[in-house]
Amino acid sequence: PLWKGWDWKVQKNGLRHRVYAVNGDHYL
């Protein structure tokens, strides 16, 4: 199913760019 591919892409593993939370906090 397409959703599995999409889910795999959004899984965070390894080095990622800046990721924002809803409240404005962010992690790099």
mmCIF file of all heavy atoms, coordinates in Angstrom:
data_MODEL
# 
_entry.id   MODEL 
# 
loop_
_atom_site.group_PDB 
_atom_site.id 
_atom_site.type_symbol 
_atom_site.label_atom_id 
_atom_site.label_alt_id 
_atom_site.label_comp_id 
_atom_site.label_asym_id 
_atom_site.label_entity_id 
_atom_site.label_seq_id 
_atom_site.pdbx_PDB_ins_code 
_atom_site.Cartn_x 
_atom_site.Cartn_y 
_atom_site.Cartn_z 
_atom_site.occupancy 
_atom_site.B_iso_or_equiv 
_atom_site.pdbx_formal_charge 
_atom_site.auth_seq_id 
_atom_site.auth_comp_id 
_atom_site.auth_asym_id 
_atom_site.auth_atom_id 
_atom_site.pdbx_PDB_model_num 
ATOM 1   N N   . PRO A 1 1  ? 0.831  -1.206 0.000  1.00 0.00 ? 1  PRO A N   1 
ATOM 2   C CA  . PRO A 1 1  ? 0.000  0.000  0.000  1.00 0.00 ? 1  PRO A CA  1 
ATOM 3   C C   . PRO A 1 1  ? 0.866  1.257  0.000  1.00 0.00 ? 1  PRO A C   1 
ATOM 4   O O   . PRO A 1 1  ? 1.967  1.272  0.552  1.00 0.00 ? 1  PRO A O   1 
ATOM 5   C CB  . PRO A 1 1  ? -0.796 -0.121 1.304  1.00 0.00 ? 1  PRO A CB  1 
ATOM 6   C CG  . PRO A 1 1  ? -0.761 -1.575 1.636  1.00 0.00 ? 1  PRO A CG  1 
ATOM 7   C CD  . PRO A 1 1  ? 0.546  -2.089 1.131  1.00 0.00 ? 1  PRO A CD  1 
ATOM 8   N N   . LEU A 1 2  ? 0.378  2.297  -0.625 1.00 0.00 ? 2  LEU A N   1 
ATOM 9   C CA  . LEU A 1 2  ? 1.149  3.531  -0.721 1.00 0.00 ? 2  LEU A CA  1 
ATOM 10  C C   . LEU A 1 2  ? 1.474  4.117  0.646  1.00 0.00 ? 2  LEU A C   1 
ATOM 11  O O   . LEU A 1 2  ? 2.531  4.706  0.845  1.00 0.00 ? 2  LEU A O   1 
ATOM 12  C CB  . LEU A 1 2  ? 0.373  4.563  -1.552 1.00 0.00 ? 2  LEU A CB  1 
ATOM 13  C CG  . LEU A 1 2  ? 0.223  4.226  -3.040 1.00 0.00 ? 2  LEU A CG  1 
ATOM 14  C CD1 . LEU A 1 2  ? -0.634 5.286  -3.716 1.00 0.00 ? 2  LEU A CD1 1 
ATOM 15  C CD2 . LEU A 1 2  ? 1.592  4.154  -3.704 1.00 0.00 ? 2  LEU A CD2 1 
ATOM 16  N N   . TRP A 1 3  ? 0.572  3.915  1.601  1.00 0.00 ? 3  TRP A N   1 
ATOM 17  C CA  . TRP A 1 3  ? 0.787  4.547  2.899  1.00 0.00 ? 3  TRP A CA  1 
ATOM 18  C C   . TRP A 1 3  ? 2.033  4.017  3.600  1.00 0.00 ? 3  TRP A C   1 
ATOM 19  O O   . TRP A 1 3  ? 2.672  4.720  4.378  1.00 0.00 ? 3  TRP A O   1 
ATOM 20  C CB  . TRP A 1 3  ? -0.430 4.360  3.811  1.00 0.00 ? 3  TRP A CB  1 
ATOM 21  C CG  . TRP A 1 3  ? -0.702 2.941  4.238  1.00 0.00 ? 3  TRP A CG  1 
ATOM 22  C CD1 . TRP A 1 3  ? -1.535 2.055  3.636  1.00 0.00 ? 3  TRP A CD1 1 
ATOM 23  C CD2 . TRP A 1 3  ? -0.126 2.262  5.361  1.00 0.00 ? 3  TRP A CD2 1 
ATOM 24  N NE1 . TRP A 1 3  ? -1.538 0.857  4.307  1.00 0.00 ? 3  TRP A NE1 1 
ATOM 25  C CE2 . TRP A 1 3  ? -0.673 0.957  5.376  1.00 0.00 ? 3  TRP A CE2 1 
ATOM 26  C CE3 . TRP A 1 3  ? 0.786  2.613  6.338  1.00 0.00 ? 3  TRP A CE3 1 
ATOM 27  C CZ2 . TRP A 1 3  ? -0.329 0.011  6.336  1.00 0.00 ? 3  TRP A CZ2 1 
ATOM 28  C CZ3 . TRP A 1 3  ? 1.129  1.668  7.300  1.00 0.00 ? 3  TRP A CZ3 1 
ATOM 29  C CH2 . TRP A 1 3  ? 0.567  0.378  7.285  1.00 0.00 ? 3  TRP A CH2 1 
ATOM 30  N N   . LYS A 1 4  ? 2.410  2.748  3.278  1.00 0.00 ? 4  LYS A N   1 
ATOM 31  C CA  . LYS A 1 4  ? 3.614  2.203  3.900  1.00 0.00 ? 4  LYS A CA  1 
ATOM 32  C C   . LYS A 1 4  ? 4.868  2.916  3.403  1.00 0.00 ? 4  LYS A C   1 
ATOM 33  O O   . LYS A 1 4  ? 5.795  3.179  4.156  1.00 0.00 ? 4  LYS A O   1 
ATOM 34  C CB  . LYS A 1 4  ? 3.713  0.706  3.621  1.00 0.00 ? 4  LYS A CB  1 
ATOM 35  C CG  . LYS A 1 4  ? 2.739  -0.135 4.443  1.00 0.00 ? 4  LYS A CG  1 
ATOM 36  C CD  . LYS A 1 4  ? 3.089  -1.611 4.366  1.00 0.00 ? 4  LYS A CD  1 
ATOM 37  C CE  . LYS A 1 4  ? 2.197  -2.420 5.296  1.00 0.00 ? 4  LYS A CE  1 
ATOM 38  N NZ  . LYS A 1 4  ? 2.554  -3.852 5.285  1.00 0.00 ? 4  LYS A NZ  1 
ATOM 39  N N   . GLY A 1 5  ? 4.883  3.226  2.147  1.00 0.00 ? 5  GLY A N   1 
ATOM 40  C CA  . GLY A 1 5  ? 6.007  3.969  1.600  1.00 0.00 ? 5  GLY A CA  1 
ATOM 41  C C   . GLY A 1 5  ? 6.082  5.365  2.176  1.00 0.00 ? 5  GLY A C   1 
ATOM 42  O O   . GLY A 1 5  ? 7.163  5.860  2.505  1.00 0.00 ? 5  GLY A O   1 
ATOM 43  N N   . TRP A 1 6  ? 4.929  5.996  2.272  1.00 0.00 ? 6  TRP A N   1 
ATOM 44  C CA  . TRP A 1 6  ? 4.911  7.344  2.853  1.00 0.00 ? 6  TRP A CA  1 
ATOM 45  C C   . TRP A 1 6  ? 5.349  7.311  4.325  1.00 0.00 ? 6  TRP A C   1 
ATOM 46  O O   . TRP A 1 6  ? 6.078  8.183  4.774  1.00 0.00 ? 6  TRP A O   1 
ATOM 47  C CB  . TRP A 1 6  ? 3.504  7.936  2.758  1.00 0.00 ? 6  TRP A CB  1 
ATOM 48  C CG  . TRP A 1 6  ? 3.032  8.129  1.334  1.00 0.00 ? 6  TRP A CG  1 
ATOM 49  C CD1 . TRP A 1 6  ? 3.792  8.294  0.229  1.00 0.00 ? 6  TRP A CD1 1 
ATOM 50  C CD2 . TRP A 1 6  ? 1.672  8.146  0.895  1.00 0.00 ? 6  TRP A CD2 1 
ATOM 51  N NE1 . TRP A 1 6  ? 3.015  8.425  -0.903 1.00 0.00 ? 6  TRP A NE1 1 
ATOM 52  C CE2 . TRP A 1 6  ? 1.696  8.344  -0.519 1.00 0.00 ? 6  TRP A CE2 1 
ATOM 53  C CE3 . TRP A 1 6  ? 0.434  8.020  1.525  1.00 0.00 ? 6  TRP A CE3 1 
ATOM 54  C CZ2 . TRP A 1 6  ? 0.542  8.415  -1.286 1.00 0.00 ? 6  TRP A CZ2 1 
ATOM 55  C CZ3 . TRP A 1 6  ? -0.720 8.097  0.757  1.00 0.00 ? 6  TRP A CZ3 1 
ATOM 56  C CH2 . TRP A 1 6  ? -0.667 8.294  -0.635 1.00 0.00 ? 6  TRP A CH2 1 
ATOM 57  N N   . ASP A 1 7  ? 4.884  6.282  5.048  1.00 0.00 ? 7  ASP A N   1 
ATOM 58  C CA  . ASP A 1 7  ? 5.228  6.167  6.459  1.00 0.00 ? 7  ASP A CA  1 
ATOM 59  C C   . ASP A 1 7  ? 6.724  5.961  6.627  1.00 0.00 ? 7  ASP A C   1 
ATOM 60  O O   . ASP A 1 7  ? 7.341  6.528  7.539  1.00 0.00 ? 7  ASP A O   1 
ATOM 61  C CB  . ASP A 1 7  ? 4.462  5.002  7.091  1.00 0.00 ? 7  ASP A CB  1 
ATOM 62  C CG  . ASP A 1 7  ? 4.703  4.910  8.590  1.00 0.00 ? 7  ASP A CG  1 
ATOM 63  O OD1 . ASP A 1 7  ? 4.310  5.844  9.299  1.00 0.00 ? 7  ASP A OD1 1 
ATOM 64  O OD2 . ASP A 1 7  ? 5.297  3.915  9.048  1.00 0.00 ? 7  ASP A OD2 1 
ATOM 65  N N   . TRP A 1 8  ? 7.314  5.165  5.740  1.00 0.00 ? 8  TRP A N   1 
ATOM 66  C CA  . TRP A 1 8  ? 8.757  4.911  5.829  1.00 0.00 ? 8  TRP A CA  1 
ATOM 67  C C   . TRP A 1 8  ? 9.544  6.194  5.596  1.00 0.00 ? 8  TRP A C   1 
ATOM 68  O O   . TRP A 1 8  ? 10.571 6.447  6.242  1.00 0.00 ? 8  TRP A O   1 
ATOM 69  C CB  . TRP A 1 8  ? 9.156  3.852  4.806  1.00 0.00 ? 8  TRP A CB  1 
ATOM 70  C CG  . TRP A 1 8  ? 10.643 3.553  4.840  1.00 0.00 ? 8  TRP A CG  1 
ATOM 71  C CD1 . TRP A 1 8  ? 11.288 2.724  5.681  1.00 0.00 ? 8  TRP A CD1 1 
ATOM 72  C CD2 . TRP A 1 8  ? 11.634 4.133  3.993  1.00 0.00 ? 8  TRP A CD2 1 
ATOM 73  N NE1 . TRP A 1 8  ? 12.633 2.723  5.425  1.00 0.00 ? 8  TRP A NE1 1 
ATOM 74  C CE2 . TRP A 1 8  ? 12.881 3.589  4.384  1.00 0.00 ? 8  TRP A CE2 1 
ATOM 75  C CE3 . TRP A 1 8  ? 11.598 5.036  2.945  1.00 0.00 ? 8  TRP A CE3 1 
ATOM 76  C CZ2 . TRP A 1 8  ? 14.071 3.932  3.763  1.00 0.00 ? 8  TRP A CZ2 1 
ATOM 77  C CZ3 . TRP A 1 8  ? 12.782 5.385  2.329  1.00 0.00 ? 8  TRP A CZ3 1 
ATOM 78  C CH2 . TRP A 1 8  ? 14.002 4.844  2.730  1.00 0.00 ? 8  TRP A CH2 1 
ATOM 79  N N   . LYS A 1 9  ? 9.069  7.033  4.691  1.00 0.00 ? 9  LYS A N   1 
ATOM 80  C CA  . LYS A 1 9  ? 9.776  8.282  4.377  1.00 0.00 ? 9  LYS A CA  1 
ATOM 81  C C   . LYS A 1 9  ? 9.752  9.278  5.533  1.00 0.00 ? 9  LYS A C   1 
ATOM 82  O O   . LYS A 1 9  ? 10.675 10.058 5.706  1.00 0.00 ? 9  LYS A O   1 
ATOM 83  C CB  . LYS A 1 9  ? 9.172  8.916  3.130  1.00 0.00 ? 9  LYS A CB  1 
ATOM 84  C CG  . LYS A 1 9  ? 9.475  8.151  1.849  1.00 0.00 ? 9  LYS A CG  1 
ATOM 85  C CD  . LYS A 1 9  ? 8.866  8.849  0.642  1.00 0.00 ? 9  LYS A CD  1 
ATOM 86  C CE  . LYS A 1 9  ? 9.172  8.074  -0.644 1.00 0.00 ? 9  LYS A CE  1 
ATOM 87  N NZ  . LYS A 1 9  ? 8.593  8.741  -1.840 1.00 0.00 ? 9  LYS A NZ  1 
ATOM 88  N N   . VAL A 1 10 ? 8.672  9.236  6.313  1.00 0.00 ? 10 VAL A N   1 
ATOM 89  C CA  . VAL A 1 10 ? 8.582  10.210 7.401  1.00 0.00 ? 10 VAL A CA  1 
ATOM 90  C C   . VAL A 1 10 ? 9.221  9.709  8.686  1.00 0.00 ? 10 VAL A C   1 
ATOM 91  O O   . VAL A 1 10 ? 9.342  10.461 9.650  1.00 0.00 ? 10 VAL A O   1 
ATOM 92  C CB  . VAL A 1 10 ? 7.107  10.588 7.687  1.00 0.00 ? 10 VAL A CB  1 
ATOM 93  C CG1 . VAL A 1 10 ? 6.479  11.225 6.475  1.00 0.00 ? 10 VAL A CG1 1 
ATOM 94  C CG2 . VAL A 1 10 ? 6.305  9.381  8.144  1.00 0.00 ? 10 VAL A CG2 1 
ATOM 95  N N   . GLN A 1 11 ? 9.631  8.436  8.725  1.00 0.00 ? 11 GLN A N   1 
ATOM 96  C CA  . GLN A 1 11 ? 10.312 7.938  9.906  1.00 0.00 ? 11 GLN A CA  1 
ATOM 97  C C   . GLN A 1 11 ? 11.650 8.648  10.054 1.00 0.00 ? 11 GLN A C   1 
ATOM 98  O O   . GLN A 1 11 ? 12.425 8.771  9.102  1.00 0.00 ? 11 GLN A O   1 
ATOM 99  C CB  . GLN A 1 11 ? 10.551 6.429  9.810  1.00 0.00 ? 11 GLN A CB  1 
ATOM 100 C CG  . GLN A 1 11 ? 9.284  5.594  9.842  1.00 0.00 ? 11 GLN A CG  1 
ATOM 101 C CD  . GLN A 1 11 ? 8.564  5.722  11.161 1.00 0.00 ? 11 GLN A CD  1 
ATOM 102 O OE1 . GLN A 1 11 ? 9.180  5.646  12.222 1.00 0.00 ? 11 GLN A OE1 1 
ATOM 103 N NE2 . GLN A 1 11 ? 7.266  5.909  11.100 1.00 0.00 ? 11 GLN A NE2 1 
ATOM 104 N N   . LYS A 1 12 ? 11.919 9.129  11.268 1.00 0.00 ? 12 LYS A N   1 
ATOM 105 C CA  . LYS A 1 12 ? 13.140 9.892  11.481 1.00 0.00 ? 12 LYS A CA  1 
ATOM 106 C C   . LYS A 1 12 ? 14.241 8.965  11.994 1.00 0.00 ? 12 LYS A C   1 
ATOM 107 O O   . LYS A 1 12 ? 14.172 8.427  13.090 1.00 0.00 ? 12 LYS A O   1 
ATOM 108 C CB  . LYS A 1 12 ? 12.868 11.027 12.474 1.00 0.00 ? 12 LYS A CB  1 
ATOM 109 C CG  . LYS A 1 12 ? 11.926 12.091 11.918 1.00 0.00 ? 12 LYS A CG  1 
ATOM 110 C CD  . LYS A 1 12 ? 11.752 13.261 12.862 1.00 0.00 ? 12 LYS A CD  1 
ATOM 111 C CE  . LYS A 1 12 ? 10.790 12.949 13.994 1.00 0.00 ? 12 LYS A CE  1 
ATOM 112 N NZ  . LYS A 1 12 ? 9.407  12.810 13.538 1.00 0.00 ? 12 LYS A NZ  1 
ATOM 113 N N   . ASN A 1 13 ? 15.272 8.791  11.162 1.00 0.00 ? 13 ASN A N   1 
ATOM 114 C CA  . ASN A 1 13 ? 16.443 8.000  11.508 1.00 0.00 ? 13 ASN A CA  1 
ATOM 115 C C   . ASN A 1 13 ? 17.664 8.681  10.915 1.00 0.00 ? 13 ASN A C   1 
ATOM 116 O O   . ASN A 1 13 ? 17.623 9.179  9.788  1.00 0.00 ? 13 ASN A O   1 
ATOM 117 C CB  . ASN A 1 13 ? 16.341 6.573  10.970 1.00 0.00 ? 13 ASN A CB  1 
ATOM 118 C CG  . ASN A 1 13 ? 15.472 5.680  11.841 1.00 0.00 ? 13 ASN A CG  1 
ATOM 119 O OD1 . ASN A 1 13 ? 15.844 5.339  12.959 1.00 0.00 ? 13 ASN A OD1 1 
ATOM 120 N ND2 . ASN A 1 13 ? 14.304 5.313  11.330 1.00 0.00 ? 13 ASN A ND2 1 
ATOM 121 N N   . GLY A 1 14 ? 18.756 8.703  11.715 1.00 0.00 ? 14 GLY A N   1 
ATOM 122 C CA  . GLY A 1 14 ? 19.960 9.342  11.233 1.00 0.00 ? 14 GLY A CA  1 
ATOM 123 C C   . GLY A 1 14 ? 19.898 10.857 11.366 1.00 0.00 ? 14 GLY A C   1 
ATOM 124 O O   . GLY A 1 14 ? 19.071 11.412 12.086 1.00 0.00 ? 14 GLY A O   1 
ATOM 125 N N   . LEU A 1 15 ? 20.773 11.542 10.648 1.00 0.00 ? 15 LEU A N   1 
ATOM 126 C CA  . LEU A 1 15 ? 20.834 12.996 10.708 1.00 0.00 ? 15 LEU A CA  1 
ATOM 127 C C   . LEU A 1 15 ? 19.698 13.610 9.912  1.00 0.00 ? 15 LEU A C   1 
ATOM 128 O O   . LEU A 1 15 ? 19.456 13.256 8.763  1.00 0.00 ? 15 LEU A O   1 
ATOM 129 C CB  . LEU A 1 15 ? 22.173 13.494 10.172 1.00 0.00 ? 15 LEU A CB  1 
ATOM 130 C CG  . LEU A 1 15 ? 22.415 15.003 10.217 1.00 0.00 ? 15 LEU A CG  1 
ATOM 131 C CD1 . LEU A 1 15 ? 22.407 15.498 11.661 1.00 0.00 ? 15 LEU A CD1 1 
ATOM 132 C CD2 . LEU A 1 15 ? 23.738 15.349 9.545  1.00 0.00 ? 15 LEU A CD2 1 
ATOM 133 N N   . ARG A 1 16 ? 18.970 14.532 10.531 1.00 0.00 ? 16 ARG A N   1 
ATOM 134 C CA  . ARG A 1 16 ? 17.843 15.190 9.866  1.00 0.00 ? 16 ARG A CA  1 
ATOM 135 C C   . ARG A 1 16 ? 18.008 16.700 9.958  1.00 0.00 ? 16 ARG A C   1 
ATOM 136 O O   . ARG A 1 16 ? 18.729 17.225 10.797 1.00 0.00 ? 16 ARG A O   1 
ATOM 137 C CB  . ARG A 1 16 ? 16.517 14.804 10.548 1.00 0.00 ? 16 ARG A CB  1 
ATOM 138 C CG  . ARG A 1 16 ? 16.232 13.324 10.582 1.00 0.00 ? 16 ARG A CG  1 
ATOM 139 C CD  . ARG A 1 16 ? 15.667 12.813 9.295  1.00 0.00 ? 16 ARG A CD  1 
ATOM 140 N NE  . ARG A 1 16 ? 14.343 13.373 9.059  1.00 0.00 ? 16 ARG A NE  1 
ATOM 141 C CZ  . ARG A 1 16 ? 13.454 12.845 8.221  1.00 0.00 ? 16 ARG A CZ  1 
ATOM 142 N NH1 . ARG A 1 16 ? 13.758 11.763 7.548  1.00 0.00 ? 16 ARG A NH1 1 
ATOM 143 N NH2 . ARG A 1 16 ? 12.274 13.406 8.040  1.00 0.00 ? 16 ARG A NH2 1 
ATOM 144 N N   . HIS A 1 17 ? 17.313 17.376 9.039  1.00 0.00 ? 17 HIS A N   1 
ATOM 145 C CA  . HIS A 1 17 ? 17.271 18.825 9.121  1.00 0.00 ? 17 HIS A CA  1 
ATOM 146 C C   . HIS A 1 17 ? 16.430 19.230 10.326 1.00 0.00 ? 17 HIS A C   1 
ATOM 147 O O   . HIS A 1 17 ? 15.858 18.407 11.016 1.00 0.00 ? 17 HIS A O   1 
ATOM 148 C CB  . HIS A 1 17 ? 16.698 19.404 7.831  1.00 0.00 ? 17 HIS A CB  1 
ATOM 149 C CG  . HIS A 1 17 ? 17.582 19.167 6.641  1.00 0.00 ? 17 HIS A CG  1 
ATOM 150 N ND1 . HIS A 1 17 ? 18.826 19.726 6.519  1.00 0.00 ? 17 HIS A ND1 1 
ATOM 151 C CD2 . HIS A 1 17 ? 17.381 18.421 5.515  1.00 0.00 ? 17 HIS A CD2 1 
ATOM 152 C CE1 . HIS A 1 17 ? 19.371 19.338 5.384  1.00 0.00 ? 17 HIS A CE1 1 
ATOM 153 N NE2 . HIS A 1 17 ? 18.518 18.545 4.750  1.00 0.00 ? 17 HIS A NE2 1 
ATOM 154 N N   . ARG A 1 18 ? 16.331 20.519 10.537 1.00 0.00 ? 18 ARG A N   1 
ATOM 155 C CA  . ARG A 1 18 ? 15.590 21.027 11.691 1.00 0.00 ? 18 ARG A CA  1 
ATOM 156 C C   . ARG A 1 18 ? 14.135 20.552 11.655 1.00 0.00 ? 18 ARG A C   1 
ATOM 157 O O   . ARG A 1 18 ? 13.443 20.678 10.661 1.00 0.00 ? 18 ARG A O   1 
ATOM 158 C CB  . ARG A 1 18 ? 15.656 22.557 11.710 1.00 0.00 ? 18 ARG A CB  1 
ATOM 159 C CG  . ARG A 1 18 ? 15.064 23.171 12.961 1.00 0.00 ? 18 ARG A CG  1 
ATOM 160 C CD  . ARG A 1 18 ? 15.284 24.682 12.991 1.00 0.00 ? 18 ARG A CD  1 
ATOM 161 N NE  . ARG A 1 18 ? 16.671 25.027 13.253 1.00 0.00 ? 18 ARG A NE  1 
ATOM 162 C CZ  . ARG A 1 18 ? 17.489 25.573 12.369 1.00 0.00 ? 18 ARG A CZ  1 
ATOM 163 N NH1 . ARG A 1 18 ? 17.055 25.832 11.137 1.00 0.00 ? 18 ARG A NH1 1 
ATOM 164 N NH2 . ARG A 1 18 ? 18.736 25.873 12.685 1.00 0.00 ? 18 ARG A NH2 1 
ATOM 165 N N   . VAL A 1 19 ? 13.699 19.999 12.789 1.00 0.00 ? 19 VAL A N   1 
ATOM 166 C CA  . VAL A 1 19 ? 12.331 19.497 12.915 1.00 0.00 ? 19 VAL A CA  1 
ATOM 167 C C   . VAL A 1 19 ? 11.608 20.347 13.953 1.00 0.00 ? 19 VAL A C   1 
ATOM 168 O O   . VAL A 1 19 ? 12.077 20.504 15.081 1.00 0.00 ? 19 VAL A O   1 
ATOM 169 C CB  . VAL A 1 19 ? 12.318 18.011 13.339 1.00 0.00 ? 19 VAL A CB  1 
ATOM 170 C CG1 . VAL A 1 19 ? 10.883 17.538 13.541 1.00 0.00 ? 19 VAL A CG1 1 
ATOM 171 C CG2 . VAL A 1 19 ? 13.020 17.156 12.295 1.00 0.00 ? 19 VAL A CG2 1 
ATOM 172 N N   . TYR A 1 20 ? 10.451 20.894 13.558 1.00 0.00 ? 20 TYR A N   1 
ATOM 173 C CA  . TYR A 1 20 ? 9.699  21.784 14.438 1.00 0.00 ? 20 TYR A CA  1 
ATOM 174 C C   . TYR A 1 20 ? 8.542  21.050 15.106 1.00 0.00 ? 20 TYR A C   1 
ATOM 175 O O   . TYR A 1 20 ? 7.914  20.171 14.504 1.00 0.00 ? 20 TYR A O   1 
ATOM 176 C CB  . TYR A 1 20 ? 9.141  22.971 13.651 1.00 0.00 ? 20 TYR A CB  1 
ATOM 177 C CG  . TYR A 1 20 ? 10.172 24.015 13.313 1.00 0.00 ? 20 TYR A CG  1 
ATOM 178 C CD1 . TYR A 1 20 ? 10.961 23.886 12.171 1.00 0.00 ? 20 TYR A CD1 1 
ATOM 179 C CD2 . TYR A 1 20 ? 10.369 25.124 14.134 1.00 0.00 ? 20 TYR A CD2 1 
ATOM 180 C CE1 . TYR A 1 20 ? 11.916 24.841 11.851 1.00 0.00 ? 20 TYR A CE1 1 
ATOM 181 C CE2 . TYR A 1 20 ? 11.321 26.085 13.820 1.00 0.00 ? 20 TYR A CE2 1 
ATOM 182 C CZ  . TYR A 1 20 ? 12.086 25.929 12.679 1.00 0.00 ? 20 TYR A CZ  1 
ATOM 183 O OH  . TYR A 1 20 ? 13.032 26.883 12.362 1.00 0.00 ? 20 TYR A OH  1 
ATOM 184 N N   . ALA A 1 21 ? 8.276  21.446 16.349 1.00 0.00 ? 21 ALA A N   1 
ATOM 185 C CA  . ALA A 1 21 ? 7.093  20.962 17.063 1.00 0.00 ? 21 ALA A CA  1 
ATOM 186 C C   . ALA A 1 21 ? 5.973  21.987 16.903 1.00 0.00 ? 21 ALA A C   1 
ATOM 187 O O   . ALA A 1 21 ? 6.196  23.120 16.447 1.00 0.00 ? 21 ALA A O   1 
ATOM 188 C CB  . ALA A 1 21 ? 7.415  20.753 18.539 1.00 0.00 ? 21 ALA A CB  1 
ATOM 189 N N   . VAL A 1 22 ? 4.767  21.599 17.278 1.00 0.00 ? 22 VAL A N   1 
ATOM 190 C CA  . VAL A 1 22 ? 3.618  22.489 17.130 1.00 0.00 ? 22 VAL A CA  1 
ATOM 191 C C   . VAL A 1 22 ? 3.796  23.772 17.944 1.00 0.00 ? 22 VAL A C   1 
ATOM 192 O O   . VAL A 1 22 ? 3.375  24.857 17.521 1.00 0.00 ? 22 VAL A O   1 
ATOM 193 C CB  . VAL A 1 22 ? 2.323  21.756 17.551 1.00 0.00 ? 22 VAL A CB  1 
ATOM 194 C CG1 . VAL A 1 22 ? 1.123  22.688 17.464 1.00 0.00 ? 22 VAL A CG1 1 
ATOM 195 C CG2 . VAL A 1 22 ? 2.105  20.529 16.681 1.00 0.00 ? 22 VAL A CG2 1 
ATOM 196 N N   . ASN A 1 23 ? 4.422  23.678 19.111 1.00 0.00 ? 23 ASN A N   1 
ATOM 197 C CA  . ASN A 1 23 ? 4.574  24.849 19.983 1.00 0.00 ? 23 ASN A CA  1 
ATOM 198 C C   . ASN A 1 23 ? 5.752  25.747 19.606 1.00 0.00 ? 23 ASN A C   1 
ATOM 199 O O   . ASN A 1 23 ? 6.040  26.726 20.277 1.00 0.00 ? 23 ASN A O   1 
ATOM 200 C CB  . ASN A 1 23 ? 4.723  24.411 21.439 1.00 0.00 ? 23 ASN A CB  1 
ATOM 201 C CG  . ASN A 1 23 ? 5.957  23.535 21.652 1.00 0.00 ? 23 ASN A CG  1 
ATOM 202 O OD1 . ASN A 1 23 ? 6.729  23.282 20.729 1.00 0.00 ? 23 ASN A OD1 1 
ATOM 203 N ND2 . ASN A 1 23 ? 6.128  23.054 22.879 1.00 0.00 ? 23 ASN A ND2 1 
ATOM 204 N N   . GLY A 1 24 ? 6.443  25.406 18.536 1.00 0.00 ? 24 GLY A N   1 
ATOM 205 C CA  . GLY A 1 24 ? 7.552  26.237 18.081 1.00 0.00 ? 24 GLY A CA  1 
ATOM 206 C C   . GLY A 1 24 ? 8.927  25.730 18.477 1.00 0.00 ? 24 GLY A C   1 
ATOM 207 O O   . GLY A 1 24 ? 9.939  26.240 17.981 1.00 0.00 ? 24 GLY A O   1 
ATOM 208 N N   . ASP A 1 25 ? 9.010  24.758 19.375 1.00 0.00 ? 25 ASP A N   1 
ATOM 209 C CA  . ASP A 1 25 ? 10.303 24.160 19.725 1.00 0.00 ? 25 ASP A CA  1 
ATOM 210 C C   . ASP A 1 25 ? 10.882 23.481 18.490 1.00 0.00 ? 25 ASP A C   1 
ATOM 211 O O   . ASP A 1 25 ? 10.130 22.993 17.626 1.00 0.00 ? 25 ASP A O   1 
ATOM 212 C CB  . ASP A 1 25 ? 10.136 23.128 20.839 1.00 0.00 ? 25 ASP A CB  1 
ATOM 213 C CG  . ASP A 1 25 ? 9.601  23.742 22.133 1.00 0.00 ? 25 ASP A CG  1 
ATOM 214 O OD1 . ASP A 1 25 ? 9.574  24.985 22.228 1.00 0.00 ? 25 ASP A OD1 1 
ATOM 215 O OD2 . ASP A 1 25 ? 9.205  22.961 23.022 1.00 0.00 ? 25 ASP A OD2 1 
ATOM 216 N N   . HIS A 1 26 ? 12.190 23.416 18.397 1.00 0.00 ? 26 HIS A N   1 
ATOM 217 C CA  . HIS A 1 26 ? 12.769 22.711 17.254 1.00 0.00 ? 26 HIS A CA  1 
ATOM 218 C C   . HIS A 1 26 ? 14.056 21.997 17.634 1.00 0.00 ? 26 HIS A C   1 
ATOM 219 O O   . HIS A 1 26 ? 14.741 22.371 18.601 1.00 0.00 ? 26 HIS A O   1 
ATOM 220 C CB  . HIS A 1 26 ? 13.001 23.643 16.056 1.00 0.00 ? 26 HIS A CB  1 
ATOM 221 C CG  . HIS A 1 26 ? 13.907 24.788 16.330 1.00 0.00 ? 26 HIS A CG  1 
ATOM 222 N ND1 . HIS A 1 26 ? 13.458 26.009 16.779 1.00 0.00 ? 26 HIS A ND1 1 
ATOM 223 C CD2 . HIS A 1 26 ? 15.262 24.910 16.214 1.00 0.00 ? 26 HIS A CD2 1 
ATOM 224 C CE1 . HIS A 1 26 ? 14.483 26.837 16.912 1.00 0.00 ? 26 HIS A CE1 1 
ATOM 225 N NE2 . HIS A 1 26 ? 15.582 26.200 16.592 1.00 0.00 ? 26 HIS A NE2 1 
ATOM 226 N N   . TYR A 1 27 ? 14.367 20.981 16.858 1.00 0.00 ? 27 TYR A N   1 
ATOM 227 C CA  . TYR A 1 27 ? 15.522 20.122 17.122 1.00 0.00 ? 27 TYR A CA  1 
ATOM 228 C C   . TYR A 1 27 ? 16.265 19.877 15.820 1.00 0.00 ? 27 TYR A C   1 
ATOM 229 O O   . TYR A 1 27 ? 15.669 19.631 14.779 1.00 0.00 ? 27 TYR A O   1 
ATOM 230 C CB  . TYR A 1 27 ? 15.060 18.785 17.712 1.00 0.00 ? 27 TYR A CB  1 
ATOM 231 C CG  . TYR A 1 27 ? 16.157 17.747 17.827 1.00 0.00 ? 27 TYR A CG  1 
ATOM 232 C CD1 . TYR A 1 27 ? 17.062 17.762 18.884 1.00 0.00 ? 27 TYR A CD1 1 
ATOM 233 C CD2 . TYR A 1 27 ? 16.305 16.750 16.860 1.00 0.00 ? 27 TYR A CD2 1 
ATOM 234 C CE1 . TYR A 1 27 ? 18.068 16.811 18.989 1.00 0.00 ? 27 TYR A CE1 1 
ATOM 235 C CE2 . TYR A 1 27 ? 17.303 15.790 16.957 1.00 0.00 ? 27 TYR A CE2 1 
ATOM 236 C CZ  . TYR A 1 27 ? 18.184 15.829 18.024 1.00 0.00 ? 27 TYR A CZ  1 
ATOM 237 O OH  . TYR A 1 27 ? 19.178 14.892 18.115 1.00 0.00 ? 27 TYR A OH  1 
ATOM 238 N N   . LEU A 1 28 ? 17.581 19.942 15.915 1.00 0.00 ? 28 LEU A N   1 
ATOM 239 C CA  . LEU A 1 28 ? 18.443 19.675 14.772 1.00 0.00 ? 28 LEU A CA  1 
ATOM 240 C C   . LEU A 1 28 ? 19.497 18.664 15.208 1.00 0.00 ? 28 LEU A C   1 
ATOM 241 O O   . LEU A 1 28 ? 20.274 18.928 16.136 1.00 0.00 ? 28 LEU A O   1 
ATOM 242 C CB  . LEU A 1 28 ? 19.126 20.961 14.291 1.00 0.00 ? 28 LEU A CB  1 
ATOM 243 C CG  . LEU A 1 28 ? 20.199 20.803 13.198 1.00 0.00 ? 28 LEU A CG  1 
ATOM 244 C CD1 . LEU A 1 28 ? 19.577 20.264 11.908 1.00 0.00 ? 28 LEU A CD1 1 
ATOM 245 C CD2 . LEU A 1 28 ? 20.885 22.134 12.935 1.00 0.00 ? 28 LEU A CD2 1 
# 
